[in-house]
Amino acid sequence: MPELHVHHILAKIELSPNQEVYPLLKVVTSVGRSEGHDIQVIEESVSRLHFEIRKDAESVCTLTSSGRSGTKVNGERVSAQELKNGDFISIPGVITFQFVAETRQNVHNAIDASDSTTDFSK
């Protein structure tokens, strides 16, 4: 089976054994409460479509938020934000993801970290 080359991932950060890693393989990855999104977050304060991550031709990823309760990148509320390696994306009080960009080492580090109980939100 050919090796899958992952350019970007979102790692779900929580203090629990249920860590998850989401490869961002599509041009647009959607996150929201409704079924059919690439990442579904079933929580009342999460909008049906809360945010999207869009990749352009140069593999630059931009987050756009439409959630009523807001989306934060590194603790700052944003409506649109270019993402950088290591950025923390949160739906306040609900869930936090870490954006991991490009290099295989960064991807492996995020996957390894997703198996630990390290608190990445500090």
Protein backbone atom coordinates (compact mmCIF):
# COMPACT_ATOMS: atom_id res chain seq x y z
CA MET A 1 0.00 0.00 0.00
CA PRO A 2 1.51 3.42 -0.92
CA GLU A 3 2.43 5.74 1.94
CA LEU A 4 0.00 8.62 2.50
CA HIS A 5 1.77 11.99 2.48
CA VAL A 6 0.03 14.24 5.00
CA HIS A 7 0.69 17.96 4.62
CA HIS A 8 -1.42 19.28 7.50
CA ILE A 9 -3.27 17.83 10.45
CA LEU A 10 -5.46 18.95 13.32
CA ALA A 11 -4.74 17.20 16.59
CA LYS A 12 -7.56 17.25 19.14
CA ILE A 13 -6.06 18.29 22.47
CA GLU A 14 -7.74 17.02 25.62
CA LEU A 15 -6.67 15.55 28.93
CA SER A 16 -8.14 12.14 28.22
CA PRO A 17 -7.23 8.90 26.49
CA ASN A 18 -9.55 9.82 23.58
CA GLN A 19 -7.03 11.87 21.60
CA GLU A 20 -7.77 12.15 17.91
CA VAL A 21 -5.76 13.30 14.89
CA TYR A 22 -7.51 14.57 11.76
CA PRO A 23 -5.51 14.72 8.49
CA LEU A 24 -6.48 17.81 6.48
CA LEU A 25 -6.51 16.14 3.08
CA LYS A 26 -9.23 18.21 1.42
CA VAL A 27 -9.09 21.77 0.10
CA VAL A 28 -11.79 22.72 2.63
CA THR A 29 -12.22 20.99 5.99
CA SER A 30 -15.39 21.89 7.90
CA VAL A 31 -15.97 21.70 11.65
CA GLY A 32 -19.41 21.99 13.21
CA ARG A 33 -22.30 20.41 15.09
CA SER A 34 -24.26 19.19 12.04
CA GLU A 35 -23.81 15.79 10.45
CA GLY A 36 -21.81 15.78 7.26
CA HIS A 37 -18.94 17.96 8.46
CA ASP A 38 -15.42 16.58 8.28
CA ILE A 39 -15.14 17.00 12.05
CA GLN A 40 -18.40 16.87 13.98
CA VAL A 41 -18.48 18.38 17.48
CA ILE A 42 -21.76 17.50 19.16
CA GLU A 43 -22.16 20.26 21.72
CA GLU A 44 -25.03 22.75 21.98
CA SER A 45 -22.76 25.84 21.97
CA VAL A 46 -21.11 24.75 18.70
CA SER A 47 -22.69 26.21 15.55
CA ARG A 48 -23.97 23.96 12.78
CA LEU A 49 -20.95 25.18 10.76
CA HIS A 50 -18.51 26.62 13.27
CA PHE A 51 -15.33 27.05 11.22
CA GLU A 52 -13.57 25.94 8.06
CA ILE A 53 -9.93 25.49 7.20
CA ARG A 54 -9.20 26.21 3.56
CA LYS A 55 -5.93 25.38 1.72
CA ASP A 56 -4.83 27.48 -1.23
CA ALA A 57 -2.57 26.46 -4.14
CA GLU A 58 0.56 27.11 -2.06
CA SER A 59 -0.79 24.95 0.82
CA VAL A 60 -1.36 28.00 3.01
CA CYS A 61 -4.19 27.20 5.41
CA THR A 62 -6.69 29.85 6.46
CA LEU A 63 -9.34 29.44 9.13
CA THR A 64 -12.67 31.21 8.68
CA SER A 65 -15.12 31.25 11.55
CA SER A 66 -18.87 31.61 11.44
CA GLY A 67 -19.64 30.26 14.92
CA ARG A 68 -21.80 32.43 17.16
CA SER A 69 -19.84 31.50 20.27
CA GLY A 70 -16.60 32.38 18.51
CA THR A 71 -13.39 30.68 17.52
CA LYS A 72 -10.02 31.53 19.01
CA VAL A 73 -6.54 31.06 17.57
CA ASN A 74 -3.89 31.16 20.27
CA GLY A 75 -6.37 32.73 22.68
CA GLU A 76 -7.48 35.57 20.36
CA ARG A 77 -10.99 35.61 18.91
CA VAL A 78 -10.83 35.60 15.09
CA SER A 79 -13.15 35.59 12.12
CA ALA A 80 -10.34 34.78 9.67
CA GLN A 81 -6.73 33.82 10.36
CA GLU A 82 -3.84 32.31 8.40
CA LEU A 83 -2.68 29.29 10.39
CA LYS A 84 0.91 28.60 11.40
CA ASN A 85 2.49 25.41 12.68
CA GLY A 86 1.62 24.89 16.34
CA ASP A 87 -1.38 27.25 16.45
CA PHE A 88 -4.09 26.33 18.94
CA ILE A 89 -7.66 26.60 17.60
CA SER A 90 -10.40 26.56 20.19
CA ILE A 91 -14.14 26.73 20.45
CA PRO A 92 -14.10 28.31 23.92
CA GLY A 93 -15.21 26.01 26.70
CA VAL A 94 -15.74 23.10 24.31
CA ILE A 95 -12.68 21.82 22.43
CA THR A 96 -9.13 22.74 21.43
CA PHE A 97 -7.20 21.57 18.38
CA GLN A 98 -3.55 22.08 17.48
CA PHE A 99 -2.71 22.83 13.85
CA VAL A 100 0.38 21.00 12.59
CA ALA A 101 1.91 22.00 9.27
CA GLU A 102 4.01 20.40 6.60
CA THR A 103 7.02 18.46 7.89
CA ARG A 104 6.80 14.77 8.64
CA GLN A 105 8.56 15.36 11.97
CA ASN A 106 5.83 17.81 13.05
CA VAL A 107 3.17 15.28 12.07
CA HIS A 108 4.88 12.47 14.00
CA ASN A 109 5.33 14.74 17.04
CA ALA A 110 1.63 15.63 17.03
CA ILE A 111 0.60 11.99 16.70
CA ASP A 112 2.93 11.04 19.57
CA ALA A 113 1.61 13.93 21.67
CA SER A 114 -1.98 12.92 20.97
CA ASP A 115 -1.25 9.67 22.80
CA SER A 116 -0.07 11.47 25.95
CA THR A 117 -1.81 13.45 28.64
CA THR A 118 0.25 16.60 28.08
CA ASP A 119 -1.73 19.83 28.46
CA PHE A 120 -0.95 21.78 25.26
CA SER A 121 -3.29 24.66 26.11
CA LYS A 122 -0.82 26.47 28.39
